[in-house]
Protein backbone atom coordinates (compact mmCIF):
# COMPACT_ATOMS: atom_id res chain seq x y z
CA MET A 1 -49.50 27.41 20.40
CA GLY A 2 -45.79 28.17 20.60
CA ALA A 3 -45.07 24.59 21.64
CA THR A 4 -47.09 23.26 18.72
CA ASN A 5 -45.19 25.46 16.24
CA ALA A 6 -41.87 24.38 17.72
CA THR A 7 -42.89 20.73 17.42
CA THR A 8 -43.96 21.24 13.81
CA MET A 9 -40.70 22.99 12.95
CA PHE A 10 -38.70 20.20 14.61
CA GLN A 11 -40.61 17.59 12.62
CA ARG A 12 -40.01 19.47 9.37
CA THR A 13 -36.31 19.87 10.17
CA SER A 14 -36.02 16.18 11.04
CA LEU A 15 -37.83 15.27 7.84
CA ARG A 16 -35.42 17.40 5.78
CA HIS A 17 -32.47 15.73 7.50
CA TRP A 18 -33.84 12.28 6.77
CA LEU A 19 -34.50 13.19 3.13
CA VAL A 20 -30.95 14.41 2.76
CA LEU A 21 -29.64 11.26 4.46
CA VAL A 22 -31.67 9.08 2.07
CA LEU A 23 -30.27 11.08 -0.86
CA VAL A 24 -26.72 10.55 0.36
CA LEU A 25 -27.39 6.83 0.79
CA LEU A 26 -28.66 6.63 -2.79
CA ILE A 27 -25.56 8.44 -4.00
CA ALA A 28 -23.35 6.05 -2.04
CA VAL A 29 -25.10 2.99 -3.45
CA SER A 30 -24.86 4.39 -6.97
CA THR A 31 -21.16 5.13 -6.42
CA GLN A 32 -20.51 1.59 -5.19
CA LEU A 33 -22.30 0.07 -8.16
CA ALA A 34 -20.38 2.30 -10.55
CA LEU A 35 -17.06 1.40 -8.92
CA GLU A 36 -17.83 -2.32 -8.91
CA ASP A 37 -18.82 -2.14 -12.55
CA ARG A 38 -15.48 -0.45 -13.24
CA ILE A 39 -13.60 -3.20 -11.41
CA TYR A 40 -15.35 -6.32 -12.65
CA THR A 41 -16.54 -5.34 -16.12
CA PRO A 42 -13.93 -5.44 -18.90
CA LYS A 43 -12.97 -1.92 -19.91
CA PRO A 44 -14.09 -0.69 -23.34
CA THR A 45 -11.60 0.57 -25.87
CA VAL A 46 -12.45 4.16 -24.93
CA PRO A 47 -12.49 4.46 -21.13
CA VAL A 48 -15.77 5.71 -19.69
CA SER A 49 -15.44 8.18 -16.82
CA VAL A 50 -17.25 7.41 -13.59
CA THR A 51 -19.21 10.27 -12.08
CA TRP A 52 -19.13 10.24 -8.28
CA LEU A 53 -18.52 12.48 -5.29
CA ARG A 54 -14.82 13.33 -5.40
CA SER A 55 -14.91 16.28 -3.00
CA PRO A 56 -14.14 15.29 0.60
CA ASN A 57 -15.59 18.57 1.89
CA LEU A 58 -18.85 18.04 -0.01
CA VAL A 59 -19.21 14.54 1.42
CA ARG A 60 -18.50 15.89 4.91
CA ASN A 61 -21.21 18.54 4.52
CA LEU A 62 -23.73 15.87 3.45
CA THR A 63 -23.15 13.49 6.36
CA LEU A 64 -25.25 15.52 8.82
CA GLY A 65 -22.75 15.04 11.60
CA TYR A 66 -22.37 11.28 11.14
CA ASN A 67 -18.81 11.73 9.96
CA ALA A 68 -17.33 8.75 11.80
CA VAL A 69 -19.98 6.38 10.42
CA TRP A 70 -19.42 7.58 6.87
CA ALA A 71 -15.66 7.42 7.34
CA ASP A 72 -16.03 3.74 8.22
CA LEU A 73 -18.16 3.17 5.13
CA TYR A 74 -15.67 4.88 2.84
CA TRP A 75 -12.79 2.97 4.46
CA VAL A 76 -14.52 -0.35 3.83
CA ARG A 77 -15.19 0.76 0.26
CA ALA A 78 -11.52 1.70 -0.21
CA VAL A 79 -10.39 -1.73 1.00
CA GLN A 80 -12.96 -3.48 -1.21
CA TYR A 81 -11.90 -1.39 -4.18
CA PHE A 82 -8.22 -2.21 -3.61
CA GLY A 83 -8.93 -5.92 -3.21
CA GLY A 84 -11.14 -6.09 -6.28
CA THR A 85 -8.60 -4.24 -8.40
CA LYS A 86 -5.72 -6.40 -7.14
CA LEU A 87 -7.61 -9.59 -8.06
CA SER A 88 -8.58 -8.26 -11.47
CA THR A 89 -6.86 -9.92 -14.43
CA ASP A 90 -7.31 -6.88 -16.66
CA GLN A 91 -3.85 -5.90 -17.93
CA ARG A 92 -4.93 -2.24 -17.95
CA LYS A 93 -6.37 -2.18 -14.44
CA SER A 94 -5.92 1.03 -12.50
CA TYR A 95 -6.03 2.02 -8.84
CA ASP A 96 -6.85 5.63 -9.71
CA LEU A 97 -9.83 5.82 -7.30
CA LEU A 98 -7.90 4.53 -4.28
CA TYR A 99 -6.41 7.83 -3.15
CA PRO A 100 -9.70 9.78 -3.53
CA LEU A 101 -11.47 7.17 -1.40
CA LEU A 102 -8.75 7.38 1.26
CA ASP A 103 -8.76 11.17 1.07
CA ILE A 104 -12.52 11.26 1.73
CA THR A 105 -12.16 8.72 4.55
CA THR A 106 -9.53 10.78 6.35
CA THR A 107 -11.35 14.06 5.77
CA LEU A 108 -14.48 12.65 7.38
CA ASP A 109 -12.41 11.32 10.28
CA PRO A 110 -9.01 13.08 10.47
CA ARG A 111 -7.91 10.73 13.27
CA PHE A 112 -8.54 7.50 11.33
CA ASN A 113 -5.14 6.01 12.10
CA ILE A 114 -5.41 2.75 10.13
CA ALA A 115 -6.60 4.60 7.02
CA TYR A 116 -3.38 6.63 6.96
CA ARG A 117 -0.99 3.80 7.77
CA LEU A 118 -2.45 0.89 5.80
CA GLY A 119 -3.62 3.29 3.09
CA ALA A 120 -0.01 4.38 2.56
CA ILE A 121 1.04 0.74 2.20
CA LEU A 122 -1.67 0.05 -0.38
CA LEU A 123 -0.73 3.17 -2.33
CA SER A 124 3.02 2.53 -2.33
CA GLU A 125 2.88 -1.22 -2.99
CA GLY A 126 4.37 -1.90 -6.43
CA TYR A 127 2.05 -2.26 -9.42
CA PRO A 128 0.18 -4.52 -10.26
CA SER A 129 -0.18 -5.79 -6.67
CA GLY A 130 -0.70 -2.21 -5.50
CA ALA A 131 -1.09 1.30 -6.81
CA GLY A 132 2.67 1.89 -7.09
CA ASN A 133 2.17 5.58 -6.29
CA THR A 134 4.64 6.68 -3.61
CA ASP A 135 3.76 10.36 -4.12
CA GLN A 136 0.17 9.70 -3.03
CA ALA A 137 1.37 7.54 -0.14
CA ILE A 138 3.55 10.38 1.15
CA ALA A 139 0.72 12.89 0.63
CA LEU A 140 -1.66 10.75 2.69
CA LEU A 141 0.88 10.38 5.51
CA GLU A 142 1.61 14.12 5.50
CA LYS A 143 -2.11 14.70 5.85
CA GLY A 144 -2.04 12.44 8.90
CA MET A 145 0.93 14.40 10.30
CA ARG A 146 -1.04 17.64 10.05
CA ALA A 147 -4.06 16.08 11.76
CA MET A 148 -2.02 14.34 14.49
CA PRO A 149 1.43 15.94 14.82
CA ASP A 150 2.12 13.81 17.90
CA LYS A 151 2.11 10.58 15.84
CA TRP A 152 5.73 9.66 15.16
CA GLN A 153 4.50 6.57 13.29
CA TYR A 154 3.50 8.63 10.21
CA LEU A 155 7.01 10.02 9.85
CA HIS A 156 8.34 6.51 10.41
CA ASP A 157 6.08 5.23 7.60
CA ALA A 158 7.10 8.04 5.25
CA GLY A 159 10.72 7.17 5.84
CA PHE A 160 9.95 3.57 5.09
CA VAL A 161 8.29 4.48 1.79
CA TYR A 162 11.45 6.31 0.78
CA TYR A 163 13.70 3.50 1.92
CA TRP A 164 11.82 0.45 0.67
CA TRP A 165 10.08 1.65 -2.49
CA ARG A 166 12.15 4.65 -3.62
CA ARG A 167 15.51 3.29 -2.43
CA ASP A 168 16.38 6.74 -1.16
CA SER A 169 18.23 6.03 2.09
CA ALA A 170 19.28 9.64 2.69
CA THR A 171 15.73 11.02 2.59
CA ALA A 172 14.45 8.06 4.58
CA ALA A 173 17.00 8.79 7.30
CA LYS A 174 15.79 12.41 7.50
CA TRP A 175 12.23 11.23 8.09
CA PHE A 176 13.39 8.89 10.85
CA LEU A 177 15.37 11.65 12.54
CA LYS A 178 12.29 13.87 12.44
CA ALA A 179 10.21 11.04 13.92
CA ALA A 180 12.77 10.61 16.71
CA GLU A 181 12.21 14.21 17.81
CA ILE A 182 8.54 13.63 18.64
CA PRO A 183 7.90 12.96 22.36
CA GLY A 184 7.31 9.29 23.00
CA ALA A 185 9.14 8.09 19.88
CA PRO A 186 11.25 4.93 20.40
CA ASN A 187 14.98 5.27 20.91
CA TRP A 188 15.87 2.93 18.05
CA LEU A 189 14.92 5.49 15.39
CA HIS A 190 18.29 7.25 15.65
CA PRO A 191 20.45 4.16 15.11
CA VAL A 192 18.24 3.00 12.23
CA ALA A 193 18.62 6.41 10.59
CA ALA A 194 22.38 6.25 11.08
CA THR A 195 22.50 2.80 9.50
CA MET A 196 20.51 4.06 6.53
CA LEU A 197 22.93 6.90 6.00
CA ASN A 198 25.87 4.51 5.96
CA GLU A 199 24.35 1.50 4.28
CA GLY A 200 25.45 0.00 0.99
CA GLY A 201 22.50 -2.11 0.04
CA GLU A 202 22.09 -3.79 3.42
CA HIS A 203 18.72 -5.30 4.31
CA ALA A 204 19.16 -4.82 8.07
CA PRO A 205 17.33 -1.45 8.35
CA ALA A 206 14.34 -2.70 6.38
CA ARG A 207 14.17 -5.88 8.44
CA ALA A 208 14.30 -3.85 11.67
CA LEU A 209 11.43 -1.62 10.48
CA TRP A 210 9.21 -4.48 9.36
CA GLU A 211 9.88 -6.35 12.62
CA ASP A 212 8.95 -3.27 14.61
CA MET A 213 5.67 -3.00 12.71
CA LEU A 214 5.01 -6.72 13.20
CA ASN A 215 5.57 -6.49 16.95
CA ASN A 216 3.90 -3.14 17.65
CA ALA A 217 1.21 -2.50 15.01
CA GLU A 218 -2.29 -2.02 16.39
CA HIS A 219 -4.06 -3.80 13.54
CA GLU A 220 -3.70 -7.26 12.03
CA TRP A 221 -3.67 -5.80 8.49
CA LEU A 222 -0.50 -3.90 9.31
CA ARG A 223 1.06 -6.96 10.89
CA GLN A 224 0.19 -8.97 7.78
CA ALA A 225 1.90 -6.35 5.63
CA ALA A 226 4.95 -6.63 7.89
CA ARG A 227 5.05 -10.42 7.50
CA ARG A 228 4.94 -10.02 3.73
CA GLY A 229 7.68 -7.40 3.86
CA LEU A 230 9.93 -9.71 5.88
CA MET A 231 9.38 -12.51 3.38
CA GLN A 232 10.25 -10.11 0.55
CA ILE A 233 13.55 -9.32 2.26
CA ASP A 234 14.22 -13.06 2.56
CA ALA A 235 13.47 -13.40 -1.17
CA GLU A 236 15.85 -10.56 -2.03
CA GLU A 237 18.59 -12.28 -0.03
CA HIS A 238 17.86 -15.55 -1.87
CA LEU A 239 18.23 -13.77 -5.21
CA GLU A 240 21.57 -12.32 -4.20
CA LEU A 241 22.81 -15.86 -3.48
CA LEU A 242 21.41 -17.23 -6.75
CA ARG A 243 22.90 -14.62 -9.10
CA PRO A 244 26.47 -15.97 -8.80
CA VAL A 245 25.02 -19.40 -9.71
CA MET A 246 23.77 -17.89 -12.97
CA THR A 247 27.24 -16.51 -13.63
CA ARG A 248 28.87 -19.90 -13.05
CA PHE A 249 26.40 -21.61 -15.38
CA HIS A 250 27.17 -19.02 -18.06
CA ASP A 251 30.91 -19.53 -17.59
CA GLN A 252 30.45 -23.28 -18.11
CA THR A 253 28.04 -23.23 -21.02
CA GLY A 254 28.34 -19.82 -22.67
CA ARG A 255 24.66 -19.08 -22.08
CA PHE A 256 22.15 -18.59 -19.29
CA PRO A 257 19.86 -21.50 -18.30
CA LYS A 258 16.36 -21.81 -19.68
CA THR A 259 15.09 -23.90 -16.77
CA TRP A 260 16.11 -24.67 -13.21
CA LYS A 261 16.46 -28.35 -14.22
CA GLU A 262 19.47 -27.37 -16.33
CA VAL A 263 21.07 -25.74 -13.29
CA VAL A 264 20.38 -28.79 -11.14
CA ASP A 265 21.70 -31.17 -13.82
CA ALA A 266 24.87 -29.06 -14.00
CA GLY A 267 25.41 -29.75 -10.30
CA LEU A 268 25.10 -26.10 -9.28
CA LEU A 269 21.98 -26.55 -7.16
CA ARG A 270 20.37 -29.52 -5.44
CA ARG A 271 16.84 -28.52 -6.38
CA ALA A 272 14.88 -25.75 -8.06
CA PRO A 273 14.81 -22.75 -5.68
CA VAL A 274 11.53 -21.40 -4.35
CA ASP A 275 10.67 -18.16 -2.56
CA PRO A 276 9.58 -18.09 1.12
CA THR A 277 5.98 -18.84 0.08
CA GLY A 278 7.02 -21.95 -1.86
CA TYR A 279 6.61 -20.35 -5.31
CA MET A 280 9.40 -21.09 -7.80
CA TYR A 281 11.63 -18.17 -8.82
CA GLU A 282 11.43 -17.13 -12.48
CA LEU A 283 14.40 -17.22 -14.86
CA GLU A 284 15.06 -14.89 -17.78
CA PRO A 285 17.21 -16.96 -20.18
CA GLU A 286 18.19 -13.91 -22.25
CA THR A 287 19.67 -11.94 -19.35
CA GLY A 288 20.18 -14.45 -16.54
CA ASN A 289 18.04 -12.30 -14.27
CA ILE A 290 16.04 -13.99 -11.50
CA ASP A 291 12.94 -12.65 -9.82
CA VAL A 292 9.93 -13.79 -7.83
CA GLY A 293 7.21 -15.19 -10.03
CA ARG A 294 4.35 -12.95 -11.07
CA GLY A 295 1.95 -15.38 -9.44
CA SER A 296 3.73 -15.21 -6.11
CA TYR A 297 2.25 -13.49 -3.08
CA LEU A 298 5.57 -11.61 -2.83
CA TYR A 299 5.43 -10.09 -6.32
CA PRO A 300 6.61 -7.47 -6.92
CA LEU A 301 9.69 -6.94 -4.86
CA ARG A 302 10.92 -3.38 -4.47
CA THR A 303 10.70 -1.12 -7.50
CA ARG A 304 13.64 -1.87 -9.72
CA VAL A 305 16.12 0.95 -10.18
CA PRO A 306 17.93 1.03 -13.55
CA GLY A 307 21.35 -0.54 -13.22
CA THR A 308 20.52 -2.54 -10.08
């Protein structure tokens, strides 16, 4: 009799678990449909809020112990959401759900290394190609530091966010020095930090960091980000060489060029310059400024600081 009751109770408990799991699946599907509708449907004049599970702790309590599985699902959803938003042509597009998705992912699996590292890149990447939110990128990395204090890479990545996107070499150097103190950290962190503290707009530290990520990253997505970063540095160096050409054209004509053909015809360049992906640089005839084209894979370069 006791065995029969125990079996019945087990069946009832299992049934409750499956019902809850089905409910969570329905919520997840509804959330995905709502998010996809937000990405691919033109936004109305008055934005409509999307109701979904924003609490990482609530999601964790509903996963019935399958945290790692649900972390994978939320990670895939975060990447899909980022990709869909990036490809959207809506001028008012927003990445406002990216951090909550990453926050849930890393709460479900606090040791989800790629979610912290690539997630920080997606968050800090300049708008409109990325979220352009360095505060959230740092917050995500700090969460990773608390979960895995032995990972020097998160401090390394935080320093890189400060160096590359915020152009704050002093704070970046502090992060690298902290990373160097963690057992197992590479010995090149100290000299890179020293170079940052003494630099005057040099690209060498950034190139060294991207090359390290390219050579040592565990995931192809991170290596791809490193390749793009290296090409962006090449583009910045191209722009530095082209700006004096704009000055010479202005000295000769009293104005800035409207097209690259004018520059070529003036004998200042052999051909119209292109970025490392083969996309032609854009001219601003009013100011003489040059930048990568908005259609280029490298757009945007680092966040522009007033006066630079």
